[in-house]
PDB file of all heavy atoms in Angstrom:
ATOM      1  N   CYS A   1     -12.440   6.212  -3.648  1.00  0.00           N
ATOM      2  CA  CYS A   1     -12.656   5.390  -2.451  1.00  0.00           C
ATOM      3  C   CYS A   1     -12.742   3.910  -2.804  1.00  0.00           C
ATOM      4  O   CYS A   1     -12.134   3.060  -2.143  1.00  0.00           O
ATOM      5  CB  CYS A   1     -13.919   5.833  -1.728  1.00  0.00           C
ATOM      6  SG  CYS A   1     -13.791   7.449  -0.928  1.00  0.00           S
ATOM      7  N   GLY A   2     -13.509   3.584  -3.846  1.00  0.00           N
ATOM      8  CA  GLY A   2     -13.656   2.191  -4.240  1.00  0.00           C
ATOM      9  C   GLY A   2     -12.358   1.587  -4.730  1.00  0.00           C
ATOM     10  O   GLY A   2     -12.013   0.447  -4.370  1.00  0.00           O
ATOM     11  N   THR A   3     -11.619   2.327  -5.545  1.00  0.00           N
ATOM     12  CA  THR A   3     -10.358   1.824  -6.098  1.00  0.00           C
ATOM     13  C   THR A   3      -9.318   1.603  -5.015  1.00  0.00           C
ATOM     14  O   THR A   3      -8.653   0.566  -4.966  1.00  0.00           O
ATOM     15  CB  THR A   3      -9.818   2.804  -7.150  1.00  0.00           C
ATOM     16  OG1 THR A   3     -10.793   2.969  -8.190  1.00  0.00           O
ATOM     17  CG2 THR A   3      -8.524   2.295  -7.758  1.00  0.00           C
ATOM     18  N   VAL A   4      -9.180   2.594  -4.137  1.00  0.00           N
ATOM     19  CA  VAL A   4      -8.190   2.478  -3.064  1.00  0.00           C
ATOM     20  C   VAL A   4      -8.577   1.377  -2.076  1.00  0.00           C
ATOM     21  O   VAL A   4      -7.714   0.636  -1.591  1.00  0.00           O
ATOM     22  CB  VAL A   4      -8.028   3.830  -2.348  1.00  0.00           C
ATOM     23  CG1 VAL A   4      -7.141   3.696  -1.118  1.00  0.00           C
ATOM     24  CG2 VAL A   4      -7.453   4.865  -3.302  1.00  0.00           C
ATOM     25  N   ALA A   5      -9.876   1.244  -1.784  1.00  0.00           N
ATOM     26  CA  ALA A   5     -10.328   0.191  -0.870  1.00  0.00           C
ATOM     27  C   ALA A   5      -9.992  -1.190  -1.431  1.00  0.00           C
ATOM     28  O   ALA A   5      -9.510  -2.070  -0.707  1.00  0.00           O
ATOM     29  CB  ALA A   5     -11.830   0.311  -0.635  1.00  0.00           C
ATOM     30  N   ARG A   6     -10.227  -1.393  -2.720  1.00  0.00           N
ATOM     31  CA  ARG A   6      -9.948  -2.686  -3.348  1.00  0.00           C
ATOM     32  C   ARG A   6      -8.468  -3.026  -3.283  1.00  0.00           C
ATOM     33  O   ARG A   6      -8.081  -4.134  -2.880  1.00  0.00           O
ATOM     34  CB  ARG A   6     -10.428  -2.656  -4.794  1.00  0.00           C
ATOM     35  CG  ARG A   6     -10.167  -3.930  -5.587  1.00  0.00           C
ATOM     36  CD  ARG A   6     -10.779  -3.803  -6.983  1.00  0.00           C
ATOM     37  NE  ARG A   6     -10.473  -4.948  -7.805  1.00  0.00           N
ATOM     38  CZ  ARG A   6      -9.379  -5.058  -8.568  1.00  0.00           C
ATOM     39  NH1 ARG A   6      -8.491  -4.076  -8.576  1.00  0.00           N
ATOM     40  NH2 ARG A   6      -9.174  -6.132  -9.301  1.00  0.00           N
ATOM     41  N   ALA A   7      -7.613  -2.073  -3.671  1.00  0.00           N
ATOM     42  CA  ALA A   7      -6.171  -2.319  -3.644  1.00  0.00           C
ATOM     43  C   ALA A   7      -5.666  -2.534  -2.228  1.00  0.00           C
ATOM     44  O   ALA A   7      -4.819  -3.403  -1.975  1.00  0.00           O
ATOM     45  CB  ALA A   7      -5.438  -1.149  -4.304  1.00  0.00           C
ATOM     46  N   SER A   8      -6.190  -1.758  -1.283  1.00  0.00           N
ATOM     47  CA  SER A   8      -5.730  -1.851   0.105  1.00  0.00           C
ATOM     48  C   SER A   8      -6.123  -3.183   0.731  1.00  0.00           C
ATOM     49  O   SER A   8      -5.322  -3.804   1.454  1.00  0.00           O
ATOM     50  CB  SER A   8      -6.300  -0.698   0.927  1.00  0.00           C
ATOM     51  OG  SER A   8      -5.877   0.547   0.417  1.00  0.00           O
ATOM     52  N   LEU A   9      -7.342  -3.631   0.461  1.00  0.00           N
ATOM     53  CA  LEU A   9      -7.786  -4.909   1.021  1.00  0.00           C
ATOM     54  C   LEU A   9      -6.926  -6.062   0.517  1.00  0.00           C
ATOM     55  O   LEU A   9      -6.512  -6.933   1.294  1.00  0.00           O
ATOM     56  CB  LEU A   9      -9.261  -5.148   0.672  1.00  0.00           C
ATOM     57  CG  LEU A   9     -10.289  -4.345   1.472  1.00  0.00           C
ATOM     58  CD1 LEU A   9     -11.680  -4.525   0.877  1.00  0.00           C
ATOM     59  CD2 LEU A   9     -10.277  -4.777   2.936  1.00  0.00           C
ATOM     60  N   MET A  10      -6.655  -6.085  -0.781  1.00  0.00           N
ATOM     61  CA  MET A  10      -5.820  -7.161  -1.323  1.00  0.00           C
ATOM     62  C   MET A  10      -4.413  -7.113  -0.747  1.00  0.00           C
ATOM     63  O   MET A  10      -3.822  -8.153  -0.435  1.00  0.00           O
ATOM     64  CB  MET A  10      -5.774  -7.073  -2.850  1.00  0.00           C
ATOM     65  CG  MET A  10      -7.049  -7.519  -3.532  1.00  0.00           C
ATOM     66  SD  MET A  10      -6.886  -7.692  -5.320  1.00  0.00           S
ATOM     67  CE  MET A  10      -6.587  -5.974  -5.776  1.00  0.00           C
ATOM     68  N   THR A  11      -3.889  -5.909  -0.578  1.00  0.00           N
ATOM     69  CA  THR A  11      -2.548  -5.777  -0.021  1.00  0.00           C
ATOM     70  C   THR A  11      -2.503  -6.267   1.417  1.00  0.00           C
ATOM     71  O   THR A  11      -1.573  -6.990   1.808  1.00  0.00           O
ATOM     72  CB  THR A  11      -2.091  -4.310  -0.095  1.00  0.00           C
ATOM     73  OG1 THR A  11      -2.073  -3.885  -1.458  1.00  0.00           O
ATOM     74  CG2 THR A  11      -0.700  -4.145   0.496  1.00  0.00           C
ATOM     75  N   VAL A  12      -3.496  -5.892   2.213  1.00  0.00           N
ATOM     76  CA  VAL A  12      -3.528  -6.333   3.619  1.00  0.00           C
ATOM     77  C   VAL A  12      -3.653  -7.848   3.709  1.00  0.00           C
ATOM     78  O   VAL A  12      -2.986  -8.499   4.533  1.00  0.00           O
ATOM     79  CB  VAL A  12      -4.689  -5.638   4.358  1.00  0.00           C
ATOM     80  CG1 VAL A  12      -4.903  -6.273   5.728  1.00  0.00           C
ATOM     81  CG2 VAL A  12      -4.410  -4.153   4.507  1.00  0.00           C
ATOM     82  N   ILE A  13      -4.491  -8.443   2.872  1.00  0.00           N
ATOM     83  CA  ILE A  13      -4.659  -9.900   2.871  1.00  0.00           C
ATOM     84  C   ILE A  13      -3.333 -10.597   2.576  1.00  0.00           C
ATOM     85  O   ILE A  13      -2.949 -11.557   3.254  1.00  0.00           O
ATOM     86  CB  ILE A  13      -5.737 -10.316   1.854  1.00  0.00           C
ATOM     87  CG1 ILE A  13      -7.111  -9.881   2.344  1.00  0.00           C
ATOM     88  CG2 ILE A  13      -5.713 -11.830   1.612  1.00  0.00           C
ATOM     89  CD1 ILE A  13      -8.204 -10.010   1.303  1.00  0.00           C
ATOM     90  N   GLU A  14      -2.611 -10.110   1.573  1.00  0.00           N
ATOM     91  CA  GLU A  14      -1.342 -10.740   1.220  1.00  0.00           C
ATOM     92  C   GLU A  14      -0.254 -10.436   2.242  1.00  0.00           C
ATOM     93  O   GLU A  14       0.624 -11.260   2.475  1.00  0.00           O
ATOM     94  CB  GLU A  14      -0.917 -10.293  -0.182  1.00  0.00           C
ATOM     95  CG  GLU A  14      -1.811 -10.845  -1.281  1.00  0.00           C
ATOM     96  CD  GLU A  14      -1.977 -12.353  -1.169  1.00  0.00           C
ATOM     97  OE1 GLU A  14      -1.036 -13.086  -1.498  1.00  0.00           O
ATOM     98  OE2 GLU A  14      -3.078 -12.789  -0.740  1.00  0.00           O
ATOM     99  N   MET A  15      -0.306  -9.274   2.864  1.00  0.00           N
ATOM    100  CA  MET A  15       0.649  -8.994   3.932  1.00  0.00           C
ATOM    101  C   MET A  15       0.471  -9.977   5.084  1.00  0.00           C
ATOM    102  O   MET A  15       1.455 -10.485   5.640  1.00  0.00           O
ATOM    103  CB  MET A  15       0.446  -7.560   4.438  1.00  0.00           C
ATOM    104  CG  MET A  15       0.974  -6.482   3.524  1.00  0.00           C
ATOM    105  SD  MET A  15       0.560  -4.814   4.128  1.00  0.00           S
ATOM    106  CE  MET A  15       1.362  -4.815   5.742  1.00  0.00           C
ATOM    107  N   ARG A  16      -0.752 -10.252   5.445  1.00  0.00           N
ATOM    108  CA  ARG A  16      -1.004 -11.194   6.529  1.00  0.00           C
ATOM    109  C   ARG A  16      -0.577 -12.606   6.138  1.00  0.00           C
ATOM    110  O   ARG A  16       0.010 -13.329   6.940  1.00  0.00           O
ATOM    111  CB  ARG A  16      -2.489 -11.180   6.890  1.00  0.00           C
ATOM    112  CG  ARG A  16      -2.951  -9.872   7.516  1.00  0.00           C
ATOM    113  CD  ARG A  16      -4.410  -9.934   7.931  1.00  0.00           C
ATOM    114  NE  ARG A  16      -4.635 -10.946   8.950  1.00  0.00           N
ATOM    115  CZ  ARG A  16      -5.811 -11.268   9.456  1.00  0.00           C
ATOM    116  NH1 ARG A  16      -6.903 -10.635   9.006  1.00  0.00           N
ATOM    117  NH2 ARG A  16      -5.933 -12.186  10.382  1.00  0.00           N
ATOM    118  N   HIS A  17      -0.865 -12.992   4.890  1.00  0.00           N
ATOM    119  CA  HIS A  17      -0.496 -14.340   4.460  1.00  0.00           C
ATOM    120  C   HIS A  17       1.021 -14.515   4.440  1.00  0.00           C
ATOM    121  O   HIS A  17       1.531 -15.562   4.888  1.00  0.00           O
ATOM    122  CB  HIS A  17      -1.072 -14.622   3.073  1.00  0.00           C
ATOM    123  CG  HIS A  17      -0.607 -15.923   2.493  1.00  0.00           C
ATOM    124  ND1 HIS A  17      -1.107 -17.144   2.906  1.00  0.00           N
ATOM    125  CD2 HIS A  17       0.336 -16.199   1.537  1.00  0.00           C
ATOM    126  CE1 HIS A  17      -0.507 -18.119   2.246  1.00  0.00           C
ATOM    127  NE2 HIS A  17       0.372 -17.574   1.407  1.00  0.00           N
ATOM    128  N   HIS A  18       1.734 -13.516   3.924  1.00  0.00           N
ATOM    129  CA  HIS A  18       3.188 -13.634   3.793  1.00  0.00           C
ATOM    130  C   HIS A  18       3.931 -13.107   5.018  1.00  0.00           C
ATOM    131  O   HIS A  18       5.161 -13.098   5.019  1.00  0.00           O
ATOM    132  CB  HIS A  18       3.656 -12.870   2.554  1.00  0.00           C
ATOM    133  CG  HIS A  18       3.167 -13.445   1.263  1.00  0.00           C
ATOM    134  ND1 HIS A  18       3.611 -14.654   0.771  1.00  0.00           N
ATOM    135  CD2 HIS A  18       2.270 -12.980   0.359  1.00  0.00           C
ATOM    136  CE1 HIS A  18       3.016 -14.914  -0.386  1.00  0.00           C
ATOM    137  NE2 HIS A  18       2.191 -13.917  -0.654  1.00  0.00           N
ATOM    138  N   ARG A  19       3.193 -12.640   6.018  1.00  0.00           N
ATOM    139  CA  ARG A  19       3.788 -12.128   7.250  1.00  0.00           C
ATOM    140  C   ARG A  19       4.754 -10.979   6.969  1.00  0.00           C
ATOM    141  O   ARG A  19       5.914 -10.979   7.413  1.00  0.00           O
ATOM    142  CB  ARG A  19       4.479 -13.250   8.025  1.00  0.00           C
ATOM    143  CG  ARG A  19       3.528 -14.357   8.456  1.00  0.00           C
ATOM    144  CD  ARG A  19       4.219 -15.443   9.249  1.00  0.00           C
ATOM    145  NE  ARG A  19       3.284 -16.495   9.648  1.00  0.00           N
ATOM    146  CZ  ARG A  19       3.610 -17.589  10.345  1.00  0.00           C
ATOM    147  NH1 ARG A  19       4.890 -17.746  10.728  1.00  0.00           N
ATOM    148  NH2 ARG A  19       2.711 -18.486  10.669  1.00  0.00           N
ATOM    149  N   ILE A  20       4.263 -10.013   6.239  1.00  0.00           N
ATOM    150  CA  ILE A  20       5.057  -8.826   5.902  1.00  0.00           C
ATOM    151  C   ILE A  20       4.704  -7.712   6.871  1.00  0.00           C
ATOM    152  O   ILE A  20       3.531  -7.392   7.069  1.00  0.00           O
ATOM    153  CB  ILE A  20       4.780  -8.380   4.459  1.00  0.00           C
ATOM    154  CG1 ILE A  20       5.185  -9.477   3.475  1.00  0.00           C
ATOM    155  CG2 ILE A  20       5.519  -7.085   4.139  1.00  0.00           C
ATOM    156  CD1 ILE A  20       4.827  -9.171   2.032  1.00  0.00           C
ATOM    157  N   GLN A  21       5.713  -7.123   7.454  1.00  0.00           N
ATOM    158  CA  GLN A  21       5.488  -6.038   8.402  1.00  0.00           C
ATOM    159  C   GLN A  21       4.957  -4.795   7.675  1.00  0.00           C
ATOM    160  O   GLN A  21       5.289  -4.543   6.515  1.00  0.00           O
ATOM    161  CB  GLN A  21       6.787  -5.692   9.122  1.00  0.00           C
ATOM    162  CG  GLN A  21       7.352  -6.821   9.966  1.00  0.00           C
ATOM    163  CD  GLN A  21       8.697  -6.466  10.556  1.00  0.00           C
ATOM    164  OE1 GLN A  21       9.383  -5.562  10.079  1.00  0.00           O
ATOM    165  NE2 GLN A  21       9.091  -7.173  11.601  1.00  0.00           N
ATOM    166  N   VAL A  22       4.154  -4.021   8.409  1.00  0.00           N
ATOM    167  CA  VAL A  22       3.601  -2.792   7.843  1.00  0.00           C
ATOM    168  C   VAL A  22       4.726  -1.855   7.413  1.00  0.00           C
ATOM    169  O   VAL A  22       4.647  -1.202   6.359  1.00  0.00           O
ATOM    170  CB  VAL A  22       2.683  -2.100   8.864  1.00  0.00           C
ATOM    171  CG1 VAL A  22       2.218  -0.739   8.338  1.00  0.00           C
ATOM    172  CG2 VAL A  22       1.484  -2.979   9.189  1.00  0.00           C
ATOM    173  N   ARG A  23       5.787  -1.795   8.183  1.00  0.00           N
ATOM    174  CA  ARG A  23       6.901  -0.901   7.864  1.00  0.00           C
ATOM    175  C   ARG A  23       7.527  -1.268   6.522  1.00  0.00           C
ATOM    176  O   ARG A  23       7.838  -0.387   5.709  1.00  0.00           O
ATOM    177  CB  ARG A  23       7.953  -0.985   8.972  1.00  0.00           C
ATOM    178  CG  ARG A  23       9.224  -0.179   8.709  1.00  0.00           C
ATOM    179  CD  ARG A  23      10.232  -0.392   9.814  1.00  0.00           C
ATOM    180  NE  ARG A  23      10.563  -1.798   9.982  1.00  0.00           N
ATOM    181  CZ  ARG A  23      11.455  -2.456   9.221  1.00  0.00           C
ATOM    182  NH1 ARG A  23      12.080  -1.813   8.240  1.00  0.00           N
ATOM    183  NH2 ARG A  23      11.727  -3.726   9.437  1.00  0.00           N
ATOM    184  N   ARG A  24       7.713  -2.548   6.268  1.00  0.00           N
ATOM    185  CA  ARG A  24       8.347  -2.967   5.015  1.00  0.00           C
ATOM    186  C   ARG A  24       7.449  -2.698   3.812  1.00  0.00           C
ATOM    187  O   ARG A  24       7.918  -2.224   2.775  1.00  0.00           O
ATOM    188  CB  ARG A  24       8.705  -4.459   5.078  1.00  0.00           C
ATOM    189  CG  ARG A  24       9.758  -4.816   6.110  1.00  0.00           C
ATOM    190  CD  ARG A  24      10.251  -6.233   5.918  1.00  0.00           C
ATOM    191  NE  ARG A  24      11.034  -6.363   4.696  1.00  0.00           N
ATOM    192  CZ  ARG A  24      11.434  -7.531   4.200  1.00  0.00           C
ATOM    193  NH1 ARG A  24      11.100  -8.664   4.810  1.00  0.00           N
ATOM    194  NH2 ARG A  24      12.146  -7.579   3.081  1.00  0.00           N
ATOM    195  N   MET A  25       6.169  -2.994   3.941  1.00  0.00           N
ATOM    196  CA  MET A  25       5.263  -2.742   2.826  1.00  0.00           C
ATOM    197  C   MET A  25       5.092  -1.243   2.606  1.00  0.00           C
ATOM    198  O   MET A  25       5.023  -0.768   1.464  1.00  0.00           O
ATOM    199  CB  MET A  25       3.909  -3.401   3.079  1.00  0.00           C
ATOM    200  CG  MET A  25       2.908  -3.220   1.939  1.00  0.00           C
ATOM    201  SD  MET A  25       3.509  -3.854   0.338  1.00  0.00           S
ATOM    202  CE  MET A  25       3.315  -5.638   0.586  1.00  0.00           C
ATOM    203  N   GLY A  26       5.038  -0.483   3.698  1.00  0.00           N
ATOM    204  CA  GLY A  26       4.933   0.962   3.571  1.00  0.00           C
ATOM    205  C   GLY A  26       6.132   1.557   2.853  1.00  0.00           C
ATOM    206  O   GLY A  26       5.985   2.457   2.015  1.00  0.00           O
ATOM    207  N   SER A  27       7.324   1.058   3.156  1.00  0.00           N
ATOM    208  CA  SER A  27       8.526   1.526   2.486  1.00  0.00           C
ATOM    209  C   SER A  27       8.503   1.164   1.007  1.00  0.00           C
ATOM    210  O   SER A  27       8.931   1.958   0.154  1.00  0.00           O
ATOM    211  CB  SER A  27       9.759   0.912   3.152  1.00  0.00           C
ATOM    212  OG  SER A  27      10.945   1.290   2.477  1.00  0.00           O
ATOM    213  N   ALA A  28       7.989  -0.031   0.689  1.00  0.00           N
ATOM    214  CA  ALA A  28       7.916  -0.469  -0.708  1.00  0.00           C
ATOM    215  C   ALA A  28       6.936   0.386  -1.504  1.00  0.00           C
ATOM    216  O   ALA A  28       7.168   0.701  -2.678  1.00  0.00           O
ATOM    217  CB  ALA A  28       7.519  -1.937  -0.779  1.00  0.00           C
ATOM    218  N   GLN A  29       5.838   0.792  -0.889  1.00  0.00           N
ATOM    219  CA  GLN A  29       4.811   1.563  -1.581  1.00  0.00           C
ATOM    220  C   GLN A  29       5.069   3.071  -1.536  1.00  0.00           C
ATOM    221  O   GLN A  29       4.413   3.836  -2.247  1.00  0.00           O
ATOM    222  CB  GLN A  29       3.436   1.281  -0.971  1.00  0.00           C
ATOM    223  CG  GLN A  29       2.922  -0.123  -1.197  1.00  0.00           C
ATOM    224  CD  GLN A  29       1.535  -0.320  -0.633  1.00  0.00           C
ATOM    225  OE1 GLN A  29       1.103   0.408   0.259  1.00  0.00           O
ATOM    226  NE2 GLN A  29       0.823  -1.311  -1.136  1.00  0.00           N
ATOM    227  N   ALA A  30       6.015   3.505  -0.727  1.00  0.00           N
ATOM    228  CA  ALA A  30       6.235   4.941  -0.503  1.00  0.00           C
ATOM    229  C   ALA A  30       6.431   5.757  -1.783  1.00  0.00           C
ATOM    230  O   ALA A  30       5.905   6.872  -1.882  1.00  0.00           O
ATOM    231  CB  ALA A  30       7.419   5.142   0.444  1.00  0.00           C
ATOM    232  N   PRO A  31       7.187   5.264  -2.785  1.00  0.00           N
ATOM    233  CA  PRO A  31       7.399   6.111  -3.971  1.00  0.00           C
ATOM    234  C   PRO A  31       6.120   6.563  -4.662  1.00  0.00           C
ATOM    235  O   PRO A  31       6.017   7.727  -5.073  1.00  0.00           O
ATOM    236  CB  PRO A  31       8.250   5.214  -4.888  1.00  0.00           C
ATOM    237  CG  PRO A  31       8.993   4.335  -3.942  1.00  0.00           C
ATOM    238  CD  PRO A  31       8.024   4.054  -2.833  1.00  0.00           C
ATOM    239  N   VAL A  32       5.143   5.687  -4.790  1.00  0.00           N
ATOM    240  CA  VAL A  32       3.917   6.104  -5.475  1.00  0.00           C
ATOM    241  C   VAL A  32       3.116   7.072  -4.614  1.00  0.00           C
ATOM    242  O   VAL A  32       2.461   7.993  -5.132  1.00  0.00           O
ATOM    243  CB  VAL A  32       3.059   4.889  -5.893  1.00  0.00           C
ATOM    244  CG1 VAL A  32       2.312   4.282  -4.702  1.00  0.00           C
ATOM    245  CG2 VAL A  32       2.066   5.280  -6.977  1.00  0.00           C
ATOM    246  N   LEU A  33       3.171   6.919  -3.308  1.00  0.00           N
ATOM    247  CA  LEU A  33       2.488   7.865  -2.416  1.00  0.00           C
ATOM    248  C   LEU A  33       3.146   9.239  -2.492  1.00  0.00           C
ATOM    249  O   LEU A  33       2.459  10.272  -2.513  1.00  0.00           O
ATOM    250  CB  LEU A  33       2.508   7.333  -0.978  1.00  0.00           C
ATOM    251  CG  LEU A  33       1.858   5.954  -0.774  1.00  0.00           C
ATOM    252  CD1 LEU A  33       1.976   5.521   0.688  1.00  0.00           C
ATOM    253  CD2 LEU A  33       0.409   5.983  -1.202  1.00  0.00           C
ATOM    254  N   VAL A  34       4.476   9.260  -2.554  1.00  0.00           N
ATOM    255  CA  VAL A  34       5.201  10.520  -2.734  1.00  0.00           C
ATOM    256  C   VAL A  34       4.801  11.166  -4.058  1.00  0.00           C
ATOM    257  O   VAL A  34       4.557  12.384  -4.135  1.00  0.00           O
ATOM    258  CB  VAL A  34       6.724  10.266  -2.694  1.00  0.00           C
ATOM    259  CG1 VAL A  34       7.496  11.499  -3.168  1.00  0.00           C
ATOM    260  CG2 VAL A  34       7.166   9.881  -1.285  1.00  0.00           C
ATOM    261  N   ALA A  35       4.722  10.349  -5.112  1.00  0.00           N
ATOM    262  CA  ALA A  35       4.363  10.878  -6.436  1.00  0.00           C
ATOM    263  C   ALA A  35       2.960  11.469  -6.443  1.00  0.00           C
ATOM    264  O   ALA A  35       2.717  12.509  -7.073  1.00  0.00           O
ATOM    265  CB  ALA A  35       4.468   9.763  -7.483  1.00  0.00           C
ATOM    266  N   ILE A  36       2.028  10.826  -5.758  1.00  0.00           N
ATOM    267  CA  ILE A  36       0.653  11.336  -5.696  1.00  0.00           C
ATOM    268  C   ILE A  36       0.624  12.708  -5.037  1.00  0.00           C
ATOM    269  O   ILE A  36      -0.022  13.647  -5.533  1.00  0.00           O
ATOM    270  CB  ILE A  36      -0.248  10.339  -4.945  1.00  0.00           C
ATOM    271  CG1 ILE A  36      -0.487   9.094  -5.810  1.00  0.00           C
ATOM    272  CG2 ILE A  36      -1.585  10.983  -4.565  1.00  0.00           C
ATOM    273  CD1 ILE A  36      -1.197   7.972  -5.082  1.00  0.00           C
ATOM    274  N   VAL A  37       1.318  12.849  -3.921  1.00  0.00           N
ATOM    275  CA  VAL A  37       1.353  14.134  -3.216  1.00  0.00           C
ATOM    276  C   VAL A  37       1.990  15.207  -4.091  1.00  0.00           C
ATOM    277  O   VAL A  37       1.460  16.321  -4.230  1.00  0.00           O
ATOM    278  CB  VAL A  37       2.119  13.996  -1.890  1.00  0.00           C
ATOM    279  CG1 VAL A  37       2.330  15.358  -1.242  1.00  0.00           C
ATOM    280  CG2 VAL A  37       1.365  13.076  -0.931  1.00  0.00           C
ATOM    281  N   LEU A  38       3.114  14.886  -4.725  1.00  0.00           N
ATOM    282  CA  LEU A  38       3.828  15.878  -5.524  1.00  0.00           C
ATOM    283  C   LEU A  38       3.035  16.285  -6.761  1.00  0.00           C
ATOM    284  O   LEU A  38       3.002  17.471  -7.129  1.00  0.00           O
ATOM    285  CB  LEU A  38       5.190  15.321  -5.936  1.00  0.00           C
ATOM    286  CG  LEU A  38       6.195  15.102  -4.803  1.00  0.00           C
ATOM    287  CD1 LEU A  38       7.465  14.472  -5.334  1.00  0.00           C
ATOM    288  CD2 LEU A  38       6.509  16.411  -4.091  1.00  0.00           C
ATOM    289  N   ALA A  39       2.409  15.319  -7.424  1.00  0.00           N
ATOM    290  CA  ALA A  39       1.629  15.639  -8.620  1.00  0.00           C
ATOM    291  C   ALA A  39       0.469  16.575  -8.281  1.00  0.00           C
ATOM    292  O   ALA A  39       0.192  17.534  -9.010  1.00  0.00           O
ATOM    293  CB  ALA A  39       1.109  14.364  -9.273  1.00  0.00           C
ATOM    294  N   ASN A  40      -0.200  16.311  -7.174  1.00  0.00           N
ATOM    295  CA  ASN A  40      -1.315  17.169  -6.769  1.00  0.00           C
ATOM    296  C   ASN A  40      -0.843  18.543  -6.334  1.00  0.00           C
ATOM    297  O   ASN A  40      -1.464  19.564  -6.685  1.00  0.00           O
ATOM    298  CB  ASN A  40      -2.107  16.504  -5.644  1.00  0.00           C
ATOM    299  CG  ASN A  40      -3.073  15.456  -6.154  1.00  0.00           C
ATOM    300  OD1 ASN A  40      -4.199  15.758  -6.543  1.00  0.00           O
ATOM    301  ND2 ASN A  40      -2.638  14.200  -6.167  1.00  0.00           N
TER     302      ASN A  40
END
């Protein structure tokens, strides 16, 4: 919870600063999320 919260907060802050859409960032991060599901 602590690790994911830290990474997520920093990502959201930078998304807002750089005006990155949720869809684009989600697509960029998708491979690691897929890997987490598959590994488990």
